[in-house]
PDB file of N, CA and C in Angstrom:
ATOM      1  N   MET A   1       9.845 -36.349  10.709  1.00  0.00           N
ATOM      2  CA  MET A   1       9.908 -35.345   9.945  1.00  0.00           C
ATOM      3  C   MET A   1      11.364 -35.245   9.368  1.00  0.00           C
ATOM      4  N   GLN A   2      11.419 -35.123   7.971  1.00  0.00           N
ATOM      5  CA  GLN A   2      12.691 -35.138   7.258  1.00  0.00           C
ATOM      6  C   GLN A   2      13.312 -33.696   7.386  1.00  0.00           C
ATOM      7  N   GLN A   3      14.684 -33.487   7.375  1.00  0.00           N
ATOM      8  CA  GLN A   3      15.326 -32.380   7.586  1.00  0.00           C
ATOM      9  C   GLN A   3      15.923 -32.047   5.985  1.00  0.00           C
ATOM     10  N   ASN A   4      15.743 -30.941   5.707  1.00  0.00           N
ATOM     11  CA  ASN A   4      16.280 -30.386   4.309  1.00  0.00           C
ATOM     12  C   ASN A   4      17.679 -29.961   4.478  1.00  0.00           C
ATOM     13  N   PRO A   5      18.771 -30.702   4.126  1.00  0.00           N
ATOM     14  CA  PRO A   5      20.255 -30.227   4.330  1.00  0.00           C
ATOM     15  C   PRO A   5      20.614 -28.968   3.705  1.00  0.00           C
ATOM     16  N   LYS A   6      19.909 -28.890   2.488  1.00  0.00           N
ATOM     17  CA  LYS A   6      20.194 -27.616   1.637  1.00  0.00           C
ATOM     18  C   LYS A   6      19.811 -26.348   2.247  1.00  0.00           C
ATOM     19  N   LEU A   7      18.483 -26.563   2.883  1.00  0.00           N
ATOM     20  CA  LEU A   7      17.947 -25.355   3.492  1.00  0.00           C
ATOM     21  C   LEU A   7      18.726 -25.041   4.857  1.00  0.00           C
ATOM     22  N   THR A   8      19.171 -26.004   5.544  1.00  0.00           N
ATOM     23  CA  THR A   8      19.866 -25.809   6.576  1.00  0.00           C
ATOM     24  C   THR A   8      21.360 -24.999   6.372  1.00  0.00           C
ATOM     25  N   GLN A   9      21.879 -25.585   5.456  1.00  0.00           N
ATOM     26  CA  GLN A   9      23.026 -24.901   4.913  1.00  0.00           C
ATOM     27  C   GLN A   9      22.947 -23.472   4.576  1.00  0.00           C
ATOM     28  N   MET A  10      21.894 -23.263   3.810  1.00  0.00           N
ATOM     29  CA  MET A  10      21.580 -21.806   3.353  1.00  0.00           C
ATOM     30  C   MET A  10      21.284 -20.942   4.497  1.00  0.00           C
ATOM     31  N   LEU A  11      20.536 -21.524   5.594  1.00  0.00           N
ATOM     32  CA  LEU A  11      20.234 -20.630   6.715  1.00  0.00           C
ATOM     33  C   LEU A  11      21.507 -20.335   7.571  1.00  0.00           C
ATOM     34  N   VAL A  12      22.313 -21.490   7.725  1.00  0.00           N
ATOM     35  CA  VAL A  12      23.610 -21.262   8.535  1.00  0.00           C
ATOM     36  C   VAL A  12      24.542 -20.317   7.841  1.00  0.00           C
ATOM     37  N   LYS A  13      24.600 -20.335   6.567  1.00  0.00           N
ATOM     38  CA  LYS A  13      25.448 -19.487   5.837  1.00  0.00           C
ATOM     39  C   LYS A  13      24.970 -18.064   5.920  1.00  0.00           C
ATOM     40  N   ARG A  14      23.578 -17.891   5.743  1.00  0.00           N
ATOM     41  CA  ARG A  14      23.213 -16.530   6.020  1.00  0.00           C
ATOM     42  C   ARG A  14      23.429 -15.899   7.295  1.00  0.00           C
ATOM     43  N   LEU A  15      23.108 -16.834   8.312  1.00  0.00           N
ATOM     44  CA  LEU A  15      23.453 -16.299   9.821  1.00  0.00           C
ATOM     45  C   LEU A  15      24.790 -15.897   9.985  1.00  0.00           C
ATOM     46  N   LEU A  16      25.773 -16.664   9.445  1.00  0.00           N
ATOM     47  CA  LEU A  16      27.261 -16.398   9.644  1.00  0.00           C
ATOM     48  C   LEU A  16      27.529 -15.063   8.861  1.00  0.00           C
ATOM     49  N   LYS A  17      27.071 -15.009   7.682  1.00  0.00           N
ATOM     50  CA  LYS A  17      27.281 -13.767   6.863  1.00  0.00           C
ATOM     51  C   LYS A  17      26.822 -12.510   7.551  1.00  0.00           C
ATOM     52  N   LYS A  18      25.514 -12.652   8.127  1.00  0.00           N
ATOM     53  CA  LYS A  18      24.809 -11.597   8.895  1.00  0.00           C
ATOM     54  C   LYS A  18      25.731 -10.951   9.973  1.00  0.00           C
ATOM     55  N   HIS A  19      26.382 -11.972  10.698  1.00  0.00           N
ATOM     56  CA  HIS A  19      27.283 -11.544  11.815  1.00  0.00           C
ATOM     57  C   HIS A  19      28.797 -11.340  11.483  1.00  0.00           C
ATOM     58  N   GLY A  20      29.110 -11.445  10.065  1.00  0.00           N
ATOM     59  CA  GLY A  20      30.442 -11.038   9.688  1.00  0.00           C
ATOM     60  C   GLY A  20      31.544 -12.227   9.960  1.00  0.00           C
ATOM     61  N   ILE A  21      30.969 -13.466   9.896  1.00  0.00           N
ATOM     62  CA  ILE A  21      31.840 -14.625  10.294  1.00  0.00           C
ATOM     63  C   ILE A  21      32.087 -15.394   9.005  1.00  0.00           C
ATOM     64  N   ASP A  22      33.429 -15.574   8.595  1.00  0.00           N
ATOM     65  CA  ASP A  22      33.757 -16.378   7.523  1.00  0.00           C
ATOM     66  C   ASP A  22      33.722 -17.814   7.904  1.00  0.00           C
ATOM     67  N   HIS A  23      32.762 -18.442   7.490  1.00  0.00           N
ATOM     68  CA  HIS A  23      32.480 -19.978   7.845  1.00  0.00           C
ATOM     69  C   HIS A  23      33.780 -20.854   7.425  1.00  0.00           C
ATOM     70  N   SER A  24      34.409 -20.496   6.443  1.00  0.00           N
ATOM     71  CA  SER A  24      35.667 -21.439   6.003  1.00  0.00           C
ATOM     72  C   SER A  24      36.888 -21.276   7.227  1.00  0.00           C
ATOM     73  N   LYS A  25      36.785 -20.366   8.049  1.00  0.00           N
ATOM     74  CA  LYS A  25      37.833 -20.169   9.030  1.00  0.00           C
ATOM     75  C   LYS A  25      37.318 -20.754  10.441  1.00  0.00           C
ATOM     76  N   ILE A  26      36.082 -21.307  10.554  1.00  0.00           N
ATOM     77  CA  ILE A  26      35.702 -21.623  11.860  1.00  0.00           C
ATOM     78  C   ILE A  26      36.327 -23.113  12.148  1.00  0.00           C
ATOM     79  N   GLU A  27      36.912 -23.360  13.387  1.00  0.00           N
ATOM     80  CA  GLU A  27      37.388 -24.596  13.779  1.00  0.00           C
ATOM     81  C   GLU A  27      36.752 -24.925  15.175  1.00  0.00           C
ATOM     82  N   LEU A  28      36.078 -25.964  15.116  1.00  0.00           N
ATOM     83  CA  LEU A  28      35.435 -26.372  16.391  1.00  0.00           C
ATOM     84  C   LEU A  28      36.143 -27.608  16.929  1.00  0.00           C
ATOM     85  N   SER A  29      36.218 -27.799  18.195  1.00  0.00           N
ATOM     86  CA  SER A  29      36.789 -28.902  18.881  1.00  0.00           C
ATOM     87  C   SER A  29      35.906 -30.098  18.790  1.00  0.00           C
ATOM     88  N   ASP A  30      36.295 -31.272  19.100  1.00  0.00           N
ATOM     89  CA  ASP A  30      35.272 -32.427  19.053  1.00  0.00           C
ATOM     90  C   ASP A  30      34.208 -32.267  20.068  1.00  0.00           C
ATOM     91  N   GLU A  31      34.492 -31.659  21.198  1.00  0.00           N
ATOM     92  CA  GLU A  31      33.569 -31.523  22.215  1.00  0.00           C
ATOM     93  C   GLU A  31      32.572 -30.435  21.827  1.00  0.00           C
ATOM     94  N   GLU A  32      32.988 -29.362  21.125  1.00  0.00           N
ATOM     95  CA  GLU A  32      32.046 -28.354  20.692  1.00  0.00           C
ATOM     96  C   GLU A  32      31.148 -28.897  19.649  1.00  0.00           C
ATOM     97  N   LYS A  33      31.747 -29.700  18.656  1.00  0.00           N
ATOM     98  CA  LYS A  33      30.865 -30.354  17.729  1.00  0.00           C
ATOM     99  C   LYS A  33      29.750 -31.180  18.330  1.00  0.00           C
ATOM    100  N   GLU A  34      30.081 -31.978  19.344  1.00  0.00           N
ATOM    101  CA  GLU A  34      29.201 -32.854  19.971  1.00  0.00           C
ATOM    102  C   GLU A  34      28.099 -32.077  20.808  1.00  0.00           C
ATOM    103  N   GLU A  35      28.560 -30.857  21.461  1.00  0.00           N
ATOM    104  CA  GLU A  35      27.572 -29.974  21.895  1.00  0.00           C
ATOM    105  C   GLU A  35      26.578 -29.352  21.060  1.00  0.00           C
ATOM    106  N   LEU A  36      27.267 -28.977  19.876  1.00  0.00           N
ATOM    107  CA  LEU A  36      26.322 -28.279  18.850  1.00  0.00           C
ATOM    108  C   LEU A  36      25.235 -29.314  18.284  1.00  0.00           C
ATOM    109  N   LYS A  37      25.801 -30.732  18.118  1.00  0.00           N
ATOM    110  CA  LYS A  37      24.855 -31.710  17.586  1.00  0.00           C
ATOM    111  C   LYS A  37      23.672 -31.819  18.672  1.00  0.00           C
ATOM    112  N   GLU A  38      24.007 -31.861  19.919  1.00  0.00           N
ATOM    113  CA  GLU A  38      23.004 -32.053  20.919  1.00  0.00           C
ATOM    114  C   GLU A  38      21.961 -30.847  21.024  1.00  0.00           C
ATOM    115  N   VAL A  39      22.583 -29.745  20.686  1.00  0.00           N
ATOM    116  CA  VAL A  39      21.495 -28.374  20.841  1.00  0.00           C
ATOM    117  C   VAL A  39      20.586 -28.603  19.561  1.00  0.00           C
ATOM    118  N   VAL A  40      21.207 -29.064  18.323  1.00  0.00           N
ATOM    119  CA  VAL A  40      20.296 -29.074  17.219  1.00  0.00           C
ATOM    120  C   VAL A  40      19.433 -29.989  17.308  1.00  0.00           C
ATOM    121  N   SER A  41      19.801 -31.326  17.973  1.00  0.00           N
ATOM    122  CA  SER A  41      18.832 -32.254  18.168  1.00  0.00           C
ATOM    123  C   SER A  41      17.624 -31.840  19.032  1.00  0.00           C
ATOM    124  N   SER A  42      18.053 -31.220  20.017  1.00  0.00           N
ATOM    125  CA  SER A  42      17.045 -30.716  20.877  1.00  0.00           C
ATOM    126  C   SER A  42      16.058 -29.814  20.154  1.00  0.00           C
ATOM    127  N   MET A  43      16.689 -28.837  19.567  1.00  0.00           N
ATOM    128  CA  MET A  43      15.673 -28.058  18.859  1.00  0.00           C
ATOM    129  C   MET A  43      14.856 -28.730  17.858  1.00  0.00           C
ATOM    130  N   GLN A  44      15.301 -29.626  16.983  1.00  0.00           N
ATOM    131  CA  GLN A  44      14.696 -30.514  16.195  1.00  0.00           C
ATOM    132  C   GLN A  44      13.584 -31.206  16.909  1.00  0.00           C
ATOM    133  N   ASP A  45      13.740 -31.751  17.951  1.00  0.00           N
ATOM    134  CA  ASP A  45      12.773 -32.432  18.729  1.00  0.00           C
ATOM    135  C   ASP A  45      11.531 -31.512  19.215  1.00  0.00           C
ATOM    136  N   SER A  46      11.982 -30.361  19.613  1.00  0.00           N
ATOM    137  CA  SER A  46      11.025 -29.348  19.876  1.00  0.00           C
ATOM    138  C   SER A  46      10.152 -28.843  18.785  1.00  0.00           C
ATOM    139  N   VAL A  47      10.840 -28.734  17.766  1.00  0.00           N
ATOM    140  CA  VAL A  47      10.037 -28.213  16.683  1.00  0.00           C
ATOM    141  C   VAL A  47       9.072 -29.394  16.217  1.00  0.00           C
ATOM    142  N   GLU A  48       9.407 -30.698  16.198  1.00  0.00           N
ATOM    143  CA  GLU A  48       8.616 -31.788  15.919  1.00  0.00           C
ATOM    144  C   GLU A  48       7.340 -32.028  16.801  1.00  0.00           C
ATOM    145  N   GLN A  49       7.695 -31.768  18.007  1.00  0.00           N
ATOM    146  CA  GLN A  49       6.548 -31.759  18.940  1.00  0.00           C
ATOM    147  C   GLN A  49       5.520 -30.459  18.787  1.00  0.00           C
ATOM    148  N   PHE A  50       6.160 -29.344  18.457  1.00  0.00           N
ATOM    149  CA  PHE A  50       5.280 -28.270  18.197  1.00  0.00           C
ATOM    150  C   PHE A  50       4.418 -28.469  17.007  1.00  0.00           C
ATOM    151  N   LEU A  51       5.036 -29.100  15.898  1.00  0.00           N
ATOM    152  CA  LEU A  51       4.383 -29.272  14.575  1.00  0.00           C
ATOM    153  C   LEU A  51       3.306 -30.480  14.899  1.00  0.00           C
ATOM    154  N   ALA A  52       3.592 -31.438  15.589  1.00  0.00           N
ATOM    155  CA  ALA A  52       2.618 -32.473  16.020  1.00  0.00           C
ATOM    156  C   ALA A  52       1.456 -31.905  16.736  1.00  0.00           C
ATOM    157  N   GLY A  53       1.600 -30.978  17.657  1.00  0.00           N
ATOM    158  CA  GLY A  53       0.469 -30.310  18.329  1.00  0.00           C
ATOM    159  C   GLY A  53      -0.233 -29.446  17.480  1.00  0.00           C
ATOM    160  N   GLU A  54       0.431 -28.760  16.420  1.00  0.00           N
ATOM    161  CA  GLU A  54      -0.371 -28.026  15.507  1.00  0.00           C
ATOM    162  C   GLU A  54      -1.141 -28.810  14.731  1.00  0.00           C
ATOM    163  N   GLN A  55      -0.644 -29.893  14.073  1.00  0.00           N
ATOM    164  CA  GLN A  55      -1.537 -30.919  13.353  1.00  0.00           C
ATOM    165  C   GLN A  55      -2.751 -31.377  14.150  1.00  0.00           C
ATOM    166  N   PHE A  56      -2.546 -31.739  15.467  1.00  0.00           N
ATOM    167  CA  PHE A  56      -3.614 -32.084  16.270  1.00  0.00           C
ATOM    168  C   PHE A  56      -4.704 -31.004  16.377  1.00  0.00           C
ATOM    169  N   SER A  57      -4.148 -29.871  16.612  1.00  0.00           N
ATOM    170  CA  SER A  57      -5.048 -28.607  16.655  1.00  0.00           C
ATOM    171  C   SER A  57      -5.860 -28.378  15.466  1.00  0.00           C
ATOM    172  N   ASP A  58      -5.215 -28.749  14.330  1.00  0.00           N
ATOM    173  CA  ASP A  58      -5.882 -28.416  13.058  1.00  0.00           C
ATOM    174  C   ASP A  58      -7.040 -29.472  12.871  1.00  0.00           C
ATOM    175  N   LYS A  59      -6.707 -30.741  13.252  1.00  0.00           N
ATOM    176  CA  LYS A  59      -7.713 -31.835  13.258  1.00  0.00           C
ATOM    177  C   LYS A  59      -8.842 -31.451  14.139  1.00  0.00           C
ATOM    178  N   GLU A  60      -8.775 -30.961  15.147  1.00  0.00           N
ATOM    179  CA  GLU A  60      -9.828 -30.595  16.217  1.00  0.00           C
ATOM    180  C   GLU A  60     -10.530 -29.520  15.564  1.00  0.00           C
ATOM    181  N   ASP A  61      -9.910 -28.501  14.979  1.00  0.00           N
ATOM    182  CA  ASP A  61     -10.701 -27.275  14.302  1.00  0.00           C
ATOM    183  C   ASP A  61     -11.734 -27.967  13.265  1.00  0.00           C
ATOM    184  N   GLU A  62     -11.094 -28.799  12.352  1.00  0.00           N
ATOM    185  CA  GLU A  62     -11.844 -29.323  11.267  1.00  0.00           C
ATOM    186  C   GLU A  62     -13.075 -30.104  11.821  1.00  0.00           C
ATOM    187  N   GLU A  63     -12.908 -30.819  12.859  1.00  0.00           N
ATOM    188  CA  GLU A  63     -13.995 -31.656  13.402  1.00  0.00           C
ATOM    189  C   GLU A  63     -15.091 -30.685  14.006  1.00  0.00           C
ATOM    190  N   GLU A  64     -14.671 -29.572  14.770  1.00  0.00           N
ATOM    191  CA  GLU A  64     -15.665 -28.546  15.260  1.00  0.00           C
ATOM    192  C   GLU A  64     -16.430 -27.949  14.036  1.00  0.00           C
ATOM    193  N   LYS A  65     -15.807 -27.714  13.004  1.00  0.00           N
ATOM    194  CA  LYS A  65     -16.548 -27.078  11.733  1.00  0.00           C
ATOM    195  C   LYS A  65     -17.465 -28.075  11.331  1.00  0.00           C
ATOM    196  N   GLU A  66     -17.163 -29.248  11.173  1.00  0.00           N
ATOM    197  CA  GLU A  66     -18.067 -30.323  10.693  1.00  0.00           C
ATOM    198  C   GLU A  66     -19.236 -30.576  11.501  1.00  0.00           C
ATOM    199  N   SER A  67     -19.186 -30.282  12.639  1.00  0.00           N
ATOM    200  CA  SER A  67     -20.296 -30.455  13.784  1.00  0.00           C
ATOM    201  C   SER A  67     -21.396 -29.575  13.623  1.00  0.00           C
TER     202      SER A  67
END
């Protein structure tokens, strides 16, 4: 599944704005950046697994309707 970088940027900006954080003043250490990448990667994997399950479920529903 492809990730839409513009959508991601928009969501992050809105989340930071919601909590009153100026994203231009945020400084992360290399360790924090790496941890954040791991968290995002894990979340992406979870979403892809969920979507794959939903697609499988949709196909089963269609097959049942055709029977």
